[in-house]
C-alpha atoms as a PDB file:
ATOM      1  CA  MET A   1     -30.052  -8.157-139.245  1.00  0.00           C
ATOM      2  CA  ASN A   2     -32.728 -10.909-139.108  1.00  0.00           C
ATOM      3  CA  THR A   3     -31.088 -13.701-140.750  1.00  0.00           C
ATOM      4  CA  THR A   4     -34.390 -14.336-142.989  1.00  0.00           C
ATOM      5  CA  LYS A   5     -33.760 -10.664-144.113  1.00  0.00           C
ATOM      6  CA  TRP A   6     -30.197 -11.607-144.711  1.00  0.00           C
ATOM      7  CA  LEU A   7     -30.868 -14.541-146.520  1.00  0.00           C
ATOM      8  CA  ASP A   8     -33.767 -12.918-148.847  1.00  0.00           C
ATOM      9  CA  TRP A   9     -30.682 -10.215-149.772  1.00  0.00           C
ATOM     10  CA  THR A  10     -28.271 -12.573-150.254  1.00  0.00           C
ATOM     11  CA  ALA A  11     -30.106 -14.867-152.483  1.00  0.00           C
ATOM     12  CA  LEU A  12     -31.369 -11.768-154.652  1.00  0.00           C
ATOM     13  CA  ILE A  13     -27.313 -10.523-154.704  1.00  0.00           C
ATOM     14  CA  ALA A  14     -26.594 -14.172-155.809  1.00  0.00           C
ATOM     15  CA  TYR A  15     -28.566 -14.534-158.132  1.00  0.00           C
ATOM     16  CA  CYS A  16     -28.013 -11.625-159.706  1.00  0.00           C
ATOM     17  CA  GLY A  17     -24.197 -12.269-159.713  1.00  0.00           C
ATOM     18  CA  LEU A  18     -24.615 -15.831-161.518  1.00  0.00           C
ATOM     19  CA  ILE A  19     -26.398 -13.500-164.181  1.00  0.00           C
ATOM     20  CA  PHE A  20     -23.914 -11.289-164.852  1.00  0.00           C
ATOM     21  CA  TRP A  21     -21.915 -14.463-165.003  1.00  0.00           C
ATOM     22  CA  LEU A  22     -23.702 -15.916-167.315  1.00  0.00           C
ATOM     23  CA  SER A  23     -24.229 -12.755-169.567  1.00  0.00           C
ATOM     24  CA  SER A  24     -20.013 -12.271-169.188  1.00  0.00           C
ATOM     25  CA  GLN A  25     -19.851 -15.360-171.086  1.00  0.00           C
ATOM     26  CA  SER A  26     -19.009 -15.380-175.249  1.00  0.00           C
ATOM     27  CA  MET A  27     -21.636 -17.898-175.562  1.00  0.00           C
ATOM     28  CA  LEU A  28     -24.015 -20.015-173.288  1.00  0.00           C
ATOM     29  CA  PRO A  29     -23.654 -24.442-173.886  1.00  0.00           C
ATOM     30  CA  VAL A  30     -27.308 -24.430-173.942  1.00  0.00           C
ATOM     31  CA  PRO A  31     -28.939 -25.835-177.072  1.00  0.00           C
ATOM     32  CA  SER A  32     -31.909 -24.626-179.477  1.00  0.00           C
ATOM     33  CA  VAL A  33     -34.802 -26.517-178.814  1.00  0.00           C
ATOM     34  CA  PHE A  34     -37.001 -24.277-180.083  1.00  0.00           C
ATOM     35  CA  ASN A  35     -37.698 -20.961-181.682  1.00  0.00           C
ATOM     36  CA  ALA A  36     -38.262 -17.685-178.906  1.00  0.00           C
ATOM     37  CA  GLN A  37     -36.122 -20.298-176.477  1.00  0.00           C
ATOM     38  CA  ASP A  38     -33.985 -17.168-175.714  1.00  0.00           C
ATOM     39  CA  LYS A  39     -36.688 -15.071-174.754  1.00  0.00           C
ATOM     40  CA  VAL A  40     -38.644 -18.138-172.730  1.00  0.00           C
ATOM     41  CA  MET A  41     -35.242 -18.526-171.152  1.00  0.00           C
ATOM     42  CA  HIS A  42     -35.348 -14.859-169.841  1.00  0.00           C
ATOM     43  CA  ALA A  43     -38.513 -14.316-168.761  1.00  0.00           C
ATOM     44  CA  GLY A  44     -38.485 -17.153-166.320  1.00  0.00           C
ATOM     45  CA  ALA A  45     -35.351 -16.069-165.332  1.00  0.00           C
ATOM     46  CA  TYR A  46     -36.406 -12.651-164.966  1.00  0.00           C
ATOM     47  CA  PHE A  47     -39.401 -14.274-163.344  1.00  0.00           C
ATOM     48  CA  VAL A  48     -37.303 -15.900-160.978  1.00  0.00           C
ATOM     49  CA  MET A  49     -35.269 -12.575-160.022  1.00  0.00           C
ATOM     50  CA  ALA A  50     -38.776 -10.672-159.317  1.00  0.00           C
ATOM     51  CA  LEU A  51     -39.723 -13.104-156.585  1.00  0.00           C
ATOM     52  CA  LEU A  52     -36.237 -13.099-154.837  1.00  0.00           C
ATOM     53  CA  ALA A  53     -36.332  -9.314-155.756  1.00  0.00           C
ATOM     54  CA  TRP A  54     -40.262  -9.340-154.023  1.00  0.00           C
ATOM     55  CA  ARG A  55     -38.323 -11.479-150.973  1.00  0.00           C
ATOM     56  CA  ALA A  56     -35.503  -8.551-150.385  1.00  0.00           C
ATOM     57  CA  LEU A  57     -37.680  -6.096-149.815  1.00  0.00           C
ATOM     58  CA  ARG A  58     -40.805  -6.941-148.304  1.00  0.00           C
ATOM     59  CA  HIS A  59     -38.380  -6.463-145.440  1.00  0.00           C
ATOM     60  CA  ALA A  60     -38.180  -2.560-146.081  1.00  0.00           C
ATOM     61  CA  GLY A  61     -41.502  -2.002-144.055  1.00  0.00           C
ATOM     62  CA  LEU A  62     -43.594  -1.128-147.754  1.00  0.00           C
ATOM     63  CA  SER A  63     -46.927  -1.543-148.821  1.00  0.00           C
ATOM     64  CA  GLY A  64     -47.508  -5.018-150.982  1.00  0.00           C
ATOM     65  CA  LYS A  65     -48.457  -3.266-153.595  1.00  0.00           C
ATOM     66  CA  LEU A  66     -45.382  -1.108-153.906  1.00  0.00           C
ATOM     67  CA  THR A  67     -43.281  -4.042-152.934  1.00  0.00           C
ATOM     68  CA  LEU A  68     -44.498  -5.787-156.112  1.00  0.00           C
ATOM     69  CA  ILE A  69     -44.034  -2.321-158.314  1.00  0.00           C
ATOM     70  CA  LEU A  70     -40.349  -1.591-157.060  1.00  0.00           C
ATOM     71  CA  ALA A  71     -39.543  -5.546-157.518  1.00  0.00           C
ATOM     72  CA  ALA A  72     -40.619  -5.572-161.121  1.00  0.00           C
ATOM     73  CA  LEU A  73     -38.901  -2.336-161.669  1.00  0.00           C
ATOM     74  CA  PHE A  74     -35.474  -3.382-160.055  1.00  0.00           C
ATOM     75  CA  CYS A  75     -35.793  -6.189-162.483  1.00  0.00           C
ATOM     76  CA  SER A  76     -36.471  -4.788-165.302  1.00  0.00           C
ATOM     77  CA  LEU A  77     -33.802  -1.684-164.620  1.00  0.00           C
ATOM     78  CA  TYR A  78     -31.018  -4.951-163.861  1.00  0.00           C
ATOM     79  CA  GLY A  79     -32.580  -6.603-167.114  1.00  0.00           C
ATOM     80  CA  ILE A  80     -31.336  -2.802-169.190  1.00  0.00           C
ATOM     81  CA  SER A  81     -27.977  -2.583-167.676  1.00  0.00           C
ATOM     82  CA  ASP A  82     -27.245  -6.677-168.509  1.00  0.00           C
ATOM     83  CA  GLU A  83     -28.094  -5.994-172.210  1.00  0.00           C
ATOM     84  CA  TRP A  84     -25.701  -2.855-171.652  1.00  0.00           C
ATOM     85  CA  HIS A  85     -23.133  -5.462-169.827  1.00  0.00           C
ATOM     86  CA  GLN A  86     -23.643  -7.597-172.817  1.00  0.00           C
ATOM     87  CA  SER A  87     -22.740  -4.698-174.991  1.00  0.00           C
ATOM     88  CA  PHE A  88     -18.604  -5.883-173.697  1.00  0.00           C
ATOM     89  CA  VAL A  89     -19.053  -9.125-174.118  1.00  0.00           C
ATOM     90  CA  PRO A  90     -17.061 -10.812-176.836  1.00  0.00           C
ATOM     91  CA  GLY A  91     -19.830 -12.371-179.201  1.00  0.00           C
ATOM     92  CA  ARG A  92     -22.829 -10.889-177.767  1.00  0.00           C
ATOM     93  CA  ASN A  93     -24.756  -8.000-178.269  1.00  0.00           C
ATOM     94  CA  PRO A  94     -26.903  -6.175-176.160  1.00  0.00           C
ATOM     95  CA  ASP A  95     -31.002  -6.567-177.650  1.00  0.00           C
ATOM     96  CA  VAL A  96     -33.871  -4.574-176.604  1.00  0.00           C
ATOM     97  CA  THR A  97     -36.037  -7.743-177.202  1.00  0.00           C
ATOM     98  CA  ASP A  98     -34.432  -9.864-174.532  1.00  0.00           C
ATOM     99  CA  TRP A  99     -35.229  -6.864-172.835  1.00  0.00           C
ATOM    100  CA  LEU A 100     -38.772  -7.072-173.272  1.00  0.00           C
ATOM    101  CA  ALA A 101     -38.541 -10.914-172.411  1.00  0.00           C
ATOM    102  CA  ASP A 102     -36.915  -9.788-169.057  1.00  0.00           C
ATOM    103  CA  THR A 103     -39.601  -7.155-168.049  1.00  0.00           C
ATOM    104  CA  VAL A 104     -42.029  -9.602-168.980  1.00  0.00           C
ATOM    105  CA  GLY A 105     -41.245 -12.376-166.462  1.00  0.00           C
ATOM    106  CA  ALA A 106     -40.781 -10.047-163.677  1.00  0.00           C
ATOM    107  CA  VAL A 107     -44.132  -8.060-164.144  1.00  0.00           C
ATOM    108  CA  GLY A 108     -45.317 -12.195-164.467  1.00  0.00           C
ATOM    109  CA  GLY A 109     -43.602 -13.110-160.962  1.00  0.00           C
ATOM    110  CA  VAL A 110     -44.878  -9.889-159.779  1.00  0.00           C
ATOM    111  CA  VAL A 111     -48.615 -10.608-160.972  1.00  0.00           C
ATOM    112  CA  LEU A 112     -48.651 -13.832-159.571  1.00  0.00           C
ATOM    113  CA  LEU A 113     -46.912 -13.026-156.102  1.00  0.00           C
ATOM    114  CA  HIS A 114     -50.254 -10.155-156.159  1.00  0.00           C
ATOM    115  CA  HIS A 115     -52.793 -13.317-156.896  1.00  0.00           C
ATOM    116  CA  ILE A 116     -51.487 -15.363-153.925  1.00  0.00           C
ATOM    117  CA  ARG A 117     -50.991 -12.532-152.270  1.00  0.00           C
ATOM    118  CA  LYS A 118     -54.877 -12.039-152.696  1.00  0.00           C
ATOM    119  CA  ARG A 119     -56.367 -14.843-151.950  1.00  0.00           C
ATOM    120  CA  PHE A 120     -54.500 -16.417-149.406  1.00  0.00           C
ATOM    121  CA  PHE A 121     -52.993 -13.796-147.241  1.00  0.00           C
END
């Protein structure tokens, strides 16, 4: 495995591990600044995950569009598993709107990548 491929997969796995660890906390030390802040944070986190997933999946030799779709799908499915995981954490509850925010963030990430790839590559 070449170094770039290894680093891309390691970054994605580490980021997923970070999200899992954060979801394992009963509460996060983040002050509430505005309404829907939680949804913006979910979307932002999964936007980043989509970029990392795309970087890792691009090594699979798939078409560009399929790689983007699979990156978004991976993130959405990880978001579902994350909400299910939270159902076992005291003080946390699964929330379908959190999953929707995760999915919107992931789709936003791959749409941005698609436009960048189309414009520059």
